[in-house]
PDB file of N, CA and C in Angstrom:
ATOM      1  N   MET A   1     -19.848  -0.875  37.069  1.00  0.00           N
ATOM      2  CA  MET A   1     -19.635  -2.278  36.743  1.00  0.00           C
ATOM      3  C   MET A   1     -18.149  -2.480  36.453  1.00  0.00           C
ATOM      4  N   TYR A   2     -17.610  -3.511  37.006  1.00  0.00           N
ATOM      5  CA  TYR A   2     -16.206  -3.825  36.772  1.00  0.00           C
ATOM      6  C   TYR A   2     -16.014  -4.349  35.356  1.00  0.00           C
ATOM      7  N   LEU A   3     -14.810  -4.209  34.847  1.00  0.00           N
ATOM      8  CA  LEU A   3     -14.512  -4.612  33.472  1.00  0.00           C
ATOM      9  C   LEU A   3     -14.859  -6.074  33.228  1.00  0.00           C
ATOM     10  N   GLN A   4     -14.435  -6.968  34.118  1.00  0.00           N
ATOM     11  CA  GLN A   4     -14.685  -8.398  33.905  1.00  0.00           C
ATOM     12  C   GLN A   4     -16.181  -8.692  33.854  1.00  0.00           C
ATOM     13  N   GLU A   5     -16.953  -8.052  34.734  1.00  0.00           N
ATOM     14  CA  GLU A   5     -18.407  -8.253  34.715  1.00  0.00           C
ATOM     15  C   GLU A   5     -18.997  -7.758  33.395  1.00  0.00           C
ATOM     16  N   HIS A   6     -18.504  -6.638  32.938  1.00  0.00           N
ATOM     17  CA  HIS A   6     -18.978  -6.070  31.677  1.00  0.00           C
ATOM     18  C   HIS A   6     -18.644  -7.003  30.511  1.00  0.00           C
ATOM     19  N   LEU A   7     -17.426  -7.514  30.485  1.00  0.00           N
ATOM     20  CA  LEU A   7     -17.025  -8.431  29.415  1.00  0.00           C
ATOM     21  C   LEU A   7     -17.829  -9.722  29.459  1.00  0.00           C
ATOM     22  N   THR A   8     -18.094 -10.227  30.653  1.00  0.00           N
ATOM     23  CA  THR A   8     -18.898 -11.445  30.800  1.00  0.00           C
ATOM     24  C   THR A   8     -20.312 -11.217  30.283  1.00  0.00           C
ATOM     25  N   ALA A   9     -20.887 -10.045  30.584  1.00  0.00           N
ATOM     26  CA  ALA A   9     -22.231  -9.723  30.104  1.00  0.00           C
ATOM     27  C   ALA A   9     -22.263  -9.623  28.585  1.00  0.00           C
ATOM     28  N   ILE A  10     -21.256  -9.015  28.003  1.00  0.00           N
ATOM     29  CA  ILE A  10     -21.181  -8.908  26.543  1.00  0.00           C
ATOM     30  C   ILE A  10     -21.075 -10.289  25.918  1.00  0.00           C
ATOM     31  N   LYS A  11     -20.231 -11.136  26.481  1.00  0.00           N
ATOM     32  CA  LYS A  11     -20.055 -12.490  25.943  1.00  0.00           C
ATOM     33  C   LYS A  11     -21.357 -13.275  26.034  1.00  0.00           C
ATOM     34  N   ALA A  12     -22.074 -13.148  27.154  1.00  0.00           N
ATOM     35  CA  ALA A  12     -23.335 -13.869  27.325  1.00  0.00           C
ATOM     36  C   ALA A  12     -24.351 -13.447  26.270  1.00  0.00           C
ATOM     37  N   LYS A  13     -24.384 -12.168  25.931  1.00  0.00           N
ATOM     38  CA  LYS A  13     -25.318 -11.677  24.915  1.00  0.00           C
ATOM     39  C   LYS A  13     -24.926 -12.124  23.511  1.00  0.00           C
ATOM     40  N   SER A  14     -23.641 -12.376  23.307  1.00  0.00           N
ATOM     41  CA  SER A  14     -23.178 -12.716  21.963  1.00  0.00           C
ATOM     42  C   SER A  14     -23.285 -14.203  21.655  1.00  0.00           C
ATOM     43  N   ASN A  15     -23.537 -15.025  22.669  1.00  0.00           N
ATOM     44  CA  ASN A  15     -23.670 -16.460  22.428  1.00  0.00           C
ATOM     45  C   ASN A  15     -25.020 -16.742  21.773  1.00  0.00           C
ATOM     46  N   PRO A  16     -25.021 -17.469  20.645  1.00  0.00           N
ATOM     47  CA  PRO A  16     -26.290 -17.780  19.982  1.00  0.00           C
ATOM     48  C   PRO A  16     -27.058 -18.837  20.772  1.00  0.00           C
ATOM     49  N   PRO A  17     -28.370 -18.924  20.551  1.00  0.00           N
ATOM     50  CA  PRO A  17     -29.141 -19.995  21.182  1.00  0.00           C
ATOM     51  C   PRO A  17     -28.567 -21.355  20.783  1.00  0.00           C
ATOM     52  N   GLU A  18     -28.799 -22.356  21.625  1.00  0.00           N
ATOM     53  CA  GLU A  18     -28.200 -23.680  21.416  1.00  0.00           C
ATOM     54  C   GLU A  18     -28.525 -24.264  20.043  1.00  0.00           C
ATOM     55  N   GLU A  19     -29.780 -24.126  19.595  1.00  0.00           N
ATOM     56  CA  GLU A  19     -30.151 -24.716  18.299  1.00  0.00           C
ATOM     57  C   GLU A  19     -29.386 -24.047  17.154  1.00  0.00           C
ATOM     58  N   ILE A  20     -29.159 -22.753  17.252  1.00  0.00           N
ATOM     59  CA  ILE A  20     -28.398 -22.054  16.214  1.00  0.00           C
ATOM     60  C   ILE A  20     -26.929 -22.437  16.296  1.00  0.00           C
ATOM     61  N   ALA A  21     -26.413 -22.560  17.510  1.00  0.00           N
ATOM     62  CA  ALA A  21     -25.017 -22.975  17.687  1.00  0.00           C
ATOM     63  C   ALA A  21     -24.786 -24.358  17.089  1.00  0.00           C
ATOM     64  N   GLU A  22     -25.776 -25.248  17.222  1.00  0.00           N
ATOM     65  CA  GLU A  22     -25.654 -26.594  16.649  1.00  0.00           C
ATOM     66  C   GLU A  22     -25.608 -26.535  15.126  1.00  0.00           C
ATOM     67  N   VAL A  23     -26.448 -25.703  14.529  1.00  0.00           N
ATOM     68  CA  VAL A  23     -26.450 -25.554  13.070  1.00  0.00           C
ATOM     69  C   VAL A  23     -25.112 -24.981  12.607  1.00  0.00           C
ATOM     70  N   MET A  24     -24.610 -23.977  13.327  1.00  0.00           N
ATOM     71  CA  MET A  24     -23.324 -23.377  12.969  1.00  0.00           C
ATOM     72  C   MET A  24     -22.207 -24.415  13.050  1.00  0.00           C
ATOM     73  N   LYS A  25     -22.212 -25.233  14.098  1.00  0.00           N
ATOM     74  CA  LYS A  25     -21.181 -26.259  14.252  1.00  0.00           C
ATOM     75  C   LYS A  25     -21.277 -27.289  13.133  1.00  0.00           C
ATOM     76  N   ARG A  26     -22.507 -27.702  12.800  1.00  0.00           N
ATOM     77  CA  ARG A  26     -22.694 -28.685  11.726  1.00  0.00           C
ATOM     78  C   ARG A  26     -22.187 -28.121  10.392  1.00  0.00           C
ATOM     79  N   CYS A  27     -22.486 -26.863  10.116  1.00  0.00           N
ATOM     80  CA  CYS A  27     -22.006 -26.237   8.880  1.00  0.00           C
ATOM     81  C   CYS A  27     -20.482 -26.147   8.873  1.00  0.00           C
ATOM     82  N   LYS A  28     -19.905 -25.786  10.007  1.00  0.00           N
ATOM     83  CA  LYS A  28     -18.448 -25.703  10.115  1.00  0.00           C
ATOM     84  C   LYS A  28     -17.818 -27.074   9.885  1.00  0.00           C
ATOM     85  N   ASP A  29     -18.401 -28.110  10.486  1.00  0.00           N
ATOM     86  CA  ASP A  29     -17.880 -29.466  10.313  1.00  0.00           C
ATOM     87  C   ASP A  29     -18.019 -29.934   8.863  1.00  0.00           C
ATOM     88  N   ASP A  30     -19.161 -29.622   8.235  1.00  0.00           N
ATOM     89  CA  ASP A  30     -19.366 -29.989   6.829  1.00  0.00           C
ATOM     90  C   ASP A  30     -18.344 -29.299   5.930  1.00  0.00           C
ATOM     91  N   LEU A  31     -18.091 -28.036   6.200  1.00  0.00           N
ATOM     92  CA  LEU A  31     -17.104 -27.294   5.415  1.00  0.00           C
ATOM     93  C   LEU A  31     -15.715 -27.898   5.589  1.00  0.00           C
ATOM     94  N   ALA A  32     -15.354 -28.230   6.820  1.00  0.00           N
ATOM     95  CA  ALA A  32     -14.045 -28.839   7.071  1.00  0.00           C
ATOM     96  C   ALA A  32     -13.931 -30.187   6.361  1.00  0.00           C
ATOM     97  N   ALA A  33     -15.003 -30.975   6.375  1.00  0.00           N
ATOM     98  CA  ALA A  33     -14.984 -32.295   5.741  1.00  0.00           C
ATOM     99  C   ALA A  33     -14.949 -32.201   4.219  1.00  0.00           C
ATOM    100  N   SER A  34     -15.418 -31.088   3.658  1.00  0.00           N
ATOM    101  CA  SER A  34     -15.469 -30.944   2.202  1.00  0.00           C
ATOM    102  C   SER A  34     -14.088 -30.790   1.575  1.00  0.00           C
ATOM    103  N   GLY A  35     -13.114 -30.356   2.368  1.00  0.00           N
ATOM    104  CA  GLY A  35     -11.770 -30.149   1.837  1.00  0.00           C
ATOM    105  C   GLY A  35     -11.589 -28.809   1.148  1.00  0.00           C
ATOM    106  N   LEU A  36     -12.628 -27.979   1.116  1.00  0.00           N
ATOM    107  CA  LEU A  36     -12.516 -26.674   0.456  1.00  0.00           C
ATOM    108  C   LEU A  36     -11.464 -25.788   1.116  1.00  0.00           C
ATOM    109  N   ALA A  37     -11.324 -25.895   2.418  1.00  0.00           N
ATOM    110  CA  ALA A  37     -10.358 -25.050   3.129  1.00  0.00           C
ATOM    111  C   ALA A  37      -8.935 -25.312   2.649  1.00  0.00           C
ATOM    112  N   ASP A  38      -8.672 -26.532   2.186  1.00  0.00           N
ATOM    113  CA  ASP A  38      -7.330 -26.870   1.700  1.00  0.00           C
ATOM    114  C   ASP A  38      -7.020 -26.187   0.370  1.00  0.00           C
ATOM    115  N   LYS A  39      -8.055 -25.706  -0.317  1.00  0.00           N
ATOM    116  CA  LYS A  39      -7.871 -25.091  -1.634  1.00  0.00           C
ATOM    117  C   LYS A  39      -7.791 -23.567  -1.573  1.00  0.00           C
ATOM    118  N   ILE A  40      -7.919 -22.997  -0.380  1.00  0.00           N
ATOM    119  CA  ILE A  40      -7.892 -21.543  -0.232  1.00  0.00           C
ATOM    120  C   ILE A  40      -6.477 -21.037  -0.472  1.00  0.00           C
ATOM    121  N   PRO A  41      -6.317 -20.050  -1.348  1.00  0.00           N
ATOM    122  CA  PRO A  41      -4.973 -19.493  -1.558  1.00  0.00           C
ATOM    123  C   PRO A  41      -4.438 -18.869  -0.271  1.00  0.00           C
ATOM    124  N   GLN A  42      -3.179 -19.050  -0.046  1.00  0.00           N
ATOM    125  CA  GLN A  42      -2.522 -18.490   1.131  1.00  0.00           C
ATOM    126  C   GLN A  42      -1.768 -17.224   0.736  1.00  0.00           C
ATOM    127  N   ALA A  43      -1.381 -16.450   1.730  1.00  0.00           N
ATOM    128  CA  ALA A  43      -0.583 -15.250   1.474  1.00  0.00           C
ATOM    129  C   ALA A  43       0.664 -15.656   0.709  1.00  0.00           C
ATOM    130  N   GLY A  44       0.952 -14.933  -0.352  1.00  0.00           N
ATOM    131  CA  GLY A  44       2.118 -15.233  -1.176  1.00  0.00           C
ATOM    132  C   GLY A  44       1.822 -16.172  -2.329  1.00  0.00           C
ATOM    133  N   SER A  45       0.608 -16.733  -2.377  1.00  0.00           N
ATOM    134  CA  SER A  45       0.237 -17.611  -3.488  1.00  0.00           C
ATOM    135  C   SER A  45       0.140 -16.786  -4.764  1.00  0.00           C
ATOM    136  N   PRO A  46       0.454 -17.395  -5.906  1.00  0.00           N
ATOM    137  CA  PRO A  46       0.300 -16.662  -7.169  1.00  0.00           C
ATOM    138  C   PRO A  46      -1.167 -16.277  -7.382  1.00  0.00           C
ATOM    139  N   ALA A  47      -1.383 -15.082  -7.859  1.00  0.00           N
ATOM    140  CA  ALA A  47      -2.746 -14.633  -8.150  1.00  0.00           C
ATOM    141  C   ALA A  47      -3.242 -15.308  -9.422  1.00  0.00           C
ATOM    142  N   PRO A  48      -4.515 -15.658  -9.459  1.00  0.00           N
ATOM    143  CA  PRO A  48      -5.057 -16.222 -10.692  1.00  0.00           C
ATOM    144  C   PRO A  48      -5.088 -15.160 -11.784  1.00  0.00           C
ATOM    145  N   GLU A  49      -5.069 -15.595 -13.021  1.00  0.00           N
ATOM    146  CA  GLU A  49      -5.161 -14.652 -14.143  1.00  0.00           C
ATOM    147  C   GLU A  49      -6.629 -14.266 -14.298  1.00  0.00           C
ATOM    148  N   ILE A  50      -6.961 -13.125 -13.731  1.00  0.00           N
ATOM    149  CA  ILE A  50      -8.358 -12.687 -13.707  1.00  0.00           C
ATOM    150  C   ILE A  50      -8.467 -11.209 -14.069  1.00  0.00           C
ATOM    151  N   ILE A  51      -9.658 -10.870 -14.527  1.00  0.00           N
ATOM    152  CA  ILE A  51     -10.014  -9.474 -14.782  1.00  0.00           C
ATOM    153  C   ILE A  51     -11.286  -9.219 -13.971  1.00  0.00           C
ATOM    154  N   LEU A  52     -11.204  -8.249 -13.055  1.00  0.00           N
ATOM    155  CA  LEU A  52     -12.317  -7.954 -12.161  1.00  0.00           C
ATOM    156  C   LEU A  52     -12.620  -6.462 -12.174  1.00  0.00           C
ATOM    157  N   PRO A  53     -13.863  -6.100 -11.819  1.00  0.00           N
ATOM    158  CA  PRO A  53     -14.182  -4.674 -11.737  1.00  0.00           C
ATOM    159  C   PRO A  53     -13.609  -4.057 -10.461  1.00  0.00           C
ATOM    160  N   ASN A  54     -13.154  -2.806 -10.582  1.00  0.00           N
ATOM    161  CA  ASN A  54     -12.710  -2.087  -9.391  1.00  0.00           C
ATOM    162  C   ASN A  54     -13.907  -1.366  -8.775  1.00  0.00           C
ATOM    163  N   ILE A  55     -13.669  -0.525  -7.784  1.00  0.00           N
ATOM    164  CA  ILE A  55     -14.787   0.140  -7.106  1.00  0.00           C
ATOM    165  C   ILE A  55     -15.543   1.113  -7.998  1.00  0.00           C
ATOM    166  N   TYR A  56     -14.942   1.474  -9.128  1.00  0.00           N
ATOM    167  CA  TYR A  56     -15.588   2.391 -10.072  1.00  0.00           C
ATOM    168  C   TYR A  56     -16.291   1.651 -11.210  1.00  0.00           C
ATOM    169  N   GLY A  57     -16.201   0.317 -11.209  1.00  0.00           N
ATOM    170  CA  GLY A  57     -16.810  -0.475 -12.262  1.00  0.00           C
ATOM    171  C   GLY A  57     -15.911  -0.696 -13.460  1.00  0.00           C
ATOM    172  N   ASP A  58     -14.695  -0.138 -13.434  1.00  0.00           N
ATOM    173  CA  ASP A  58     -13.742  -0.339 -14.527  1.00  0.00           C
ATOM    174  C   ASP A  58     -13.111  -1.721 -14.385  1.00  0.00           C
ATOM    175  N   MET A  59     -12.943  -2.411 -15.512  1.00  0.00           N
ATOM    176  CA  MET A  59     -12.341  -3.740 -15.480  1.00  0.00           C
ATOM    177  C   MET A  59     -10.824  -3.609 -15.325  1.00  0.00           C
ATOM    178  N   VAL A  60     -10.270  -4.379 -14.402  1.00  0.00           N
ATOM    179  CA  VAL A  60      -8.850  -4.312 -14.083  1.00  0.00           C
ATOM    180  C   VAL A  60      -8.239  -5.697 -14.279  1.00  0.00           C
ATOM    181  N   ASP A  61      -7.137  -5.737 -15.027  1.00  0.00           N
ATOM    182  CA  ASP A  61      -6.434  -6.987 -15.310  1.00  0.00           C
ATOM    183  C   ASP A  61      -5.344  -7.192 -14.258  1.00  0.00           C
ATOM    184  N   ALA A  62      -5.488  -8.235 -13.452  1.00  0.00           N
ATOM    185  CA  ALA A  62      -4.522  -8.508 -12.382  1.00  0.00           C
ATOM    186  C   ALA A  62      -3.115  -8.702 -12.940  1.00  0.00           C
ATOM    187  N   LYS A  63      -3.014  -9.309 -14.106  1.00  0.00           N
ATOM    188  CA  LYS A  63      -1.696  -9.566 -14.702  1.00  0.00           C
ATOM    189  C   LYS A  63      -0.959  -8.253 -14.993  1.00  0.00           C
ATOM    190  N   LYS A  64      -1.681  -7.242 -15.476  1.00  0.00           N
ATOM    191  CA  LYS A  64      -1.053  -5.945 -15.765  1.00  0.00           C
ATOM    192  C   LYS A  64      -0.565  -5.269 -14.481  1.00  0.00           C
ATOM    193  N   ILE A  65      -1.361  -5.353 -13.438  1.00  0.00           N
ATOM    194  CA  ILE A  65      -0.956  -4.745 -12.170  1.00  0.00           C
ATOM    195  C   ILE A  65       0.263  -5.468 -11.610  1.00  0.00           C
ATOM    196  N   LEU A  66       0.267  -6.788 -11.691  1.00  0.00           N
ATOM    197  CA  LEU A  66       1.397  -7.569 -11.177  1.00  0.00           C
ATOM    198  C   LEU A  66       2.691  -7.257 -11.920  1.00  0.00           C
ATOM    199  N   SER A  67       2.578  -6.829 -13.172  1.00  0.00           N
ATOM    200  CA  SER A  67       3.790  -6.495 -13.922  1.00  0.00           C
ATOM    201  C   SER A  67       4.456  -5.230 -13.364  1.00  0.00           C
ATOM    202  N   ARG A  68       3.677  -4.434 -12.603  1.00  0.00           N
ATOM    203  CA  ARG A  68       4.216  -3.199 -12.012  1.00  0.00           C
ATOM    204  C   ARG A  68       4.622  -3.374 -10.551  1.00  0.00           C
ATOM    205  N   GLY A  69       4.210  -4.476  -9.932  1.00  0.00           N
ATOM    206  CA  GLY A  69       4.549  -4.694  -8.524  1.00  0.00           C
ATOM    207  C   GLY A  69       3.505  -5.553  -7.836  1.00  0.00           C
ATOM    208  N   PRO A  70       3.551  -5.596  -6.504  1.00  0.00           N
ATOM    209  CA  PRO A  70       2.629  -6.447  -5.743  1.00  0.00           C
ATOM    210  C   PRO A  70       1.163  -6.049  -5.943  1.00  0.00           C
ATOM    211  N   LEU A  71       0.302  -7.012  -5.737  1.00  0.00           N
ATOM    212  CA  LEU A  71      -1.140  -6.826  -5.901  1.00  0.00           C
ATOM    213  C   LEU A  71      -1.840  -7.346  -4.652  1.00  0.00           C
ATOM    214  N   VAL A  72      -2.778  -6.577  -4.153  1.00  0.00           N
ATOM    215  CA  VAL A  72      -3.605  -7.009  -3.028  1.00  0.00           C
ATOM    216  C   VAL A  72      -5.033  -7.123  -3.533  1.00  0.00           C
ATOM    217  N   LEU A  73      -5.640  -8.291  -3.337  1.00  0.00           N
ATOM    218  CA  LEU A  73      -7.039  -8.488  -3.713  1.00  0.00           C
ATOM    219  C   LEU A  73      -7.891  -8.310  -2.466  1.00  0.00           C
ATOM    220  N   HIS A  74      -8.904  -7.484  -2.570  1.00  0.00           N
ATOM    221  CA  HIS A  74      -9.824  -7.273  -1.463  1.00  0.00           C
ATOM    222  C   HIS A  74     -11.219  -7.516  -2.002  1.00  0.00           C
ATOM    223  N   PHE A  75     -11.909  -8.486  -1.438  1.00  0.00           N
ATOM    224  CA  PHE A  75     -13.244  -8.821  -1.903  1.00  0.00           C
ATOM    225  C   PHE A  75     -14.267  -8.095  -1.046  1.00  0.00           C
ATOM    226  N   TYR A  76     -15.014  -7.223  -1.683  1.00  0.00           N
ATOM    227  CA  TYR A  76     -16.018  -6.415  -1.011  1.00  0.00           C
ATOM    228  C   TYR A  76     -17.332  -7.166  -1.065  1.00  0.00           C
ATOM    229  N   ARG A  77     -17.908  -7.437   0.072  1.00  0.00           N
ATOM    230  CA  ARG A  77     -19.092  -8.273   0.157  1.00  0.00           C
ATOM    231  C   ARG A  77     -20.346  -7.600  -0.388  1.00  0.00           C
ATOM    232  N   GLY A  78     -20.427  -6.307  -0.295  1.00  0.00           N
ATOM    233  CA  GLY A  78     -21.606  -5.629  -0.806  1.00  0.00           C
ATOM    234  C   GLY A  78     -21.906  -4.370  -0.034  1.00  0.00           C
ATOM    235  N   GLY A  79     -22.941  -3.692  -0.445  1.00  0.00           N
ATOM    236  CA  GLY A  79     -23.322  -2.449   0.201  1.00  0.00           C
ATOM    237  C   GLY A  79     -24.604  -2.613   0.996  1.00  0.00           C
ATOM    238  N   TRP A  80     -24.729  -1.770   1.986  1.00  0.00           N
ATOM    239  CA  TRP A  80     -25.934  -1.821   2.797  1.00  0.00           C
ATOM    240  C   TRP A  80     -26.662  -0.520   2.678  1.00  0.00           C
TER     241      TRP A  80
END
């Protein structure tokens, strides 16, 4: 199978059914209309003053880390 045919087949399998695509579009449009996207912090935005658990369950103060240098926040969705 040629690469383009293979890619076309993969794309065809990844397209959701029309009814699901409509729900996804409606949700996307609702989210855009809500204005929430305008409130998302951008790269370089000041970090909020928060204390969160790290991967070991220890509470970490973002302010203390920022006093030593840059901070990267990574939100882990969960385990499977």
